[in-house]
Protein backbone atom coordinates (compact mmCIF):
# COMPACT_ATOMS: atom_id res chain seq x y z
CA MET A 1 -13.23 -2.70 11.47
CA ASN A 2 -16.03 -3.29 13.93
CA SER A 3 -19.12 -1.00 13.06
CA GLN A 4 -19.16 0.07 16.75
CA GLU A 5 -15.59 1.44 16.75
CA ASP A 6 -14.73 5.04 16.17
CA HIS A 7 -13.44 6.07 12.67
CA ALA A 8 -11.39 9.05 11.60
CA SER A 9 -14.02 11.70 12.49
CA GLY A 10 -14.21 10.43 16.05
CA SER A 11 -17.84 9.37 15.96
CA PRO A 12 -19.10 5.76 15.56
CA ARG A 13 -19.73 4.62 11.98
CA PRO A 14 -23.28 3.44 11.18
CA ALA A 15 -23.67 -0.21 10.57
CA GLY A 16 -23.22 -1.16 6.93
CA GLN A 17 -21.60 2.01 5.84
CA LYS A 18 -18.58 1.40 3.59
CA GLU A 19 -15.50 3.53 3.54
CA THR A 20 -15.05 5.50 0.40
CA ALA A 21 -11.73 5.66 -1.48
CA GLN A 22 -11.32 9.26 -0.09
CA ASP A 23 -11.72 7.79 3.49
CA LEU A 24 -9.05 5.14 2.92
CA SER A 25 -6.56 7.58 1.14
CA SER A 26 -6.35 9.76 4.20
CA THR A 27 -5.48 6.88 6.51
CA HIS A 28 -3.35 4.67 4.22
CA VAL A 29 -0.59 6.47 2.54
CA THR A 30 1.71 4.41 0.41
CA HIS A 31 4.68 5.35 -1.62
CA VAL A 32 5.19 3.49 -4.86
CA ARG A 33 8.29 3.21 -7.12
CA GLU A 34 6.72 3.84 -10.58
CA ASP A 35 9.25 1.99 -12.63
CA VAL A 36 8.87 -1.20 -10.65
CA ALA A 37 4.96 -0.79 -10.69
CA MET A 38 5.02 -0.63 -14.52
CA ALA A 39 6.57 -3.95 -14.46
CA GLY A 40 3.49 -5.42 -12.76
CA ARG A 41 4.92 -5.59 -9.29
CA CYS A 42 3.66 -4.24 -5.93
CA ALA A 43 6.35 -1.55 -5.80
CA ASN A 44 5.53 -0.28 -2.33
CA VAL A 45 8.56 1.44 -0.74
CA HIS A 46 9.45 1.10 2.86
CA LEU A 47 10.51 4.56 3.56
CA PRO A 48 12.80 4.25 6.46
CA THR A 49 14.99 1.79 4.42
CA GLY A 50 14.27 2.60 0.85
CA ARG A 51 13.63 -0.97 0.07
CA THR A 52 10.91 -1.95 -2.48
CA CYS A 53 8.50 -4.89 -2.62
CA THR A 54 8.94 -6.65 -6.02
CA LEU A 55 6.15 -9.29 -5.41
CA PRO A 56 3.38 -9.41 -7.91
CA VAL A 57 0.78 -6.51 -7.72
CA ARG A 58 -2.11 -7.29 -5.24
CA HIS A 59 -0.14 -10.16 -3.73
CA PRO A 60 -1.65 -11.71 -0.64
CA GLY A 61 0.04 -11.28 2.69
CA SER A 62 2.95 -8.92 3.63
CA CYS A 63 5.35 -7.32 1.27
CA ASN A 64 8.88 -8.71 0.66
CA PHE A 65 11.18 -5.75 0.42
CA VAL A 66 14.44 -5.93 -1.43
CA GLY A 67 17.29 -3.37 -1.90
CA PRO A 68 17.35 -0.78 -4.58
CA GLU A 69 19.78 -2.84 -6.73
CA ASP A 70 17.38 -5.85 -6.81
CA ALA A 71 14.36 -3.57 -7.50
CA GLU A 72 16.21 -2.06 -10.39
CA ASP A 73 16.49 -5.56 -11.98
CA VAL A 74 12.74 -5.81 -12.30
CA ALA A 75 12.07 -2.16 -13.08
CA VAL A 76 10.77 -1.17 -16.51
CA HIS A 77 13.15 1.25 -18.28
């Protein structure tokens, strides 16, 4: 994000100021499937489809969402 751009409060952010975890959590809401996350996977859930990412946790790039049956195969029980 450019330091001159507006942030959540509507005012420009001073140069060099980092976003805190609290700032990020209000703008980036994720839903995680806990049983898949316990297996060391990304486990982000695409809410409109219910599909789950089974790539390794903190993987580079975009998620690769699979159906619930496939996610169940990697889930920790």
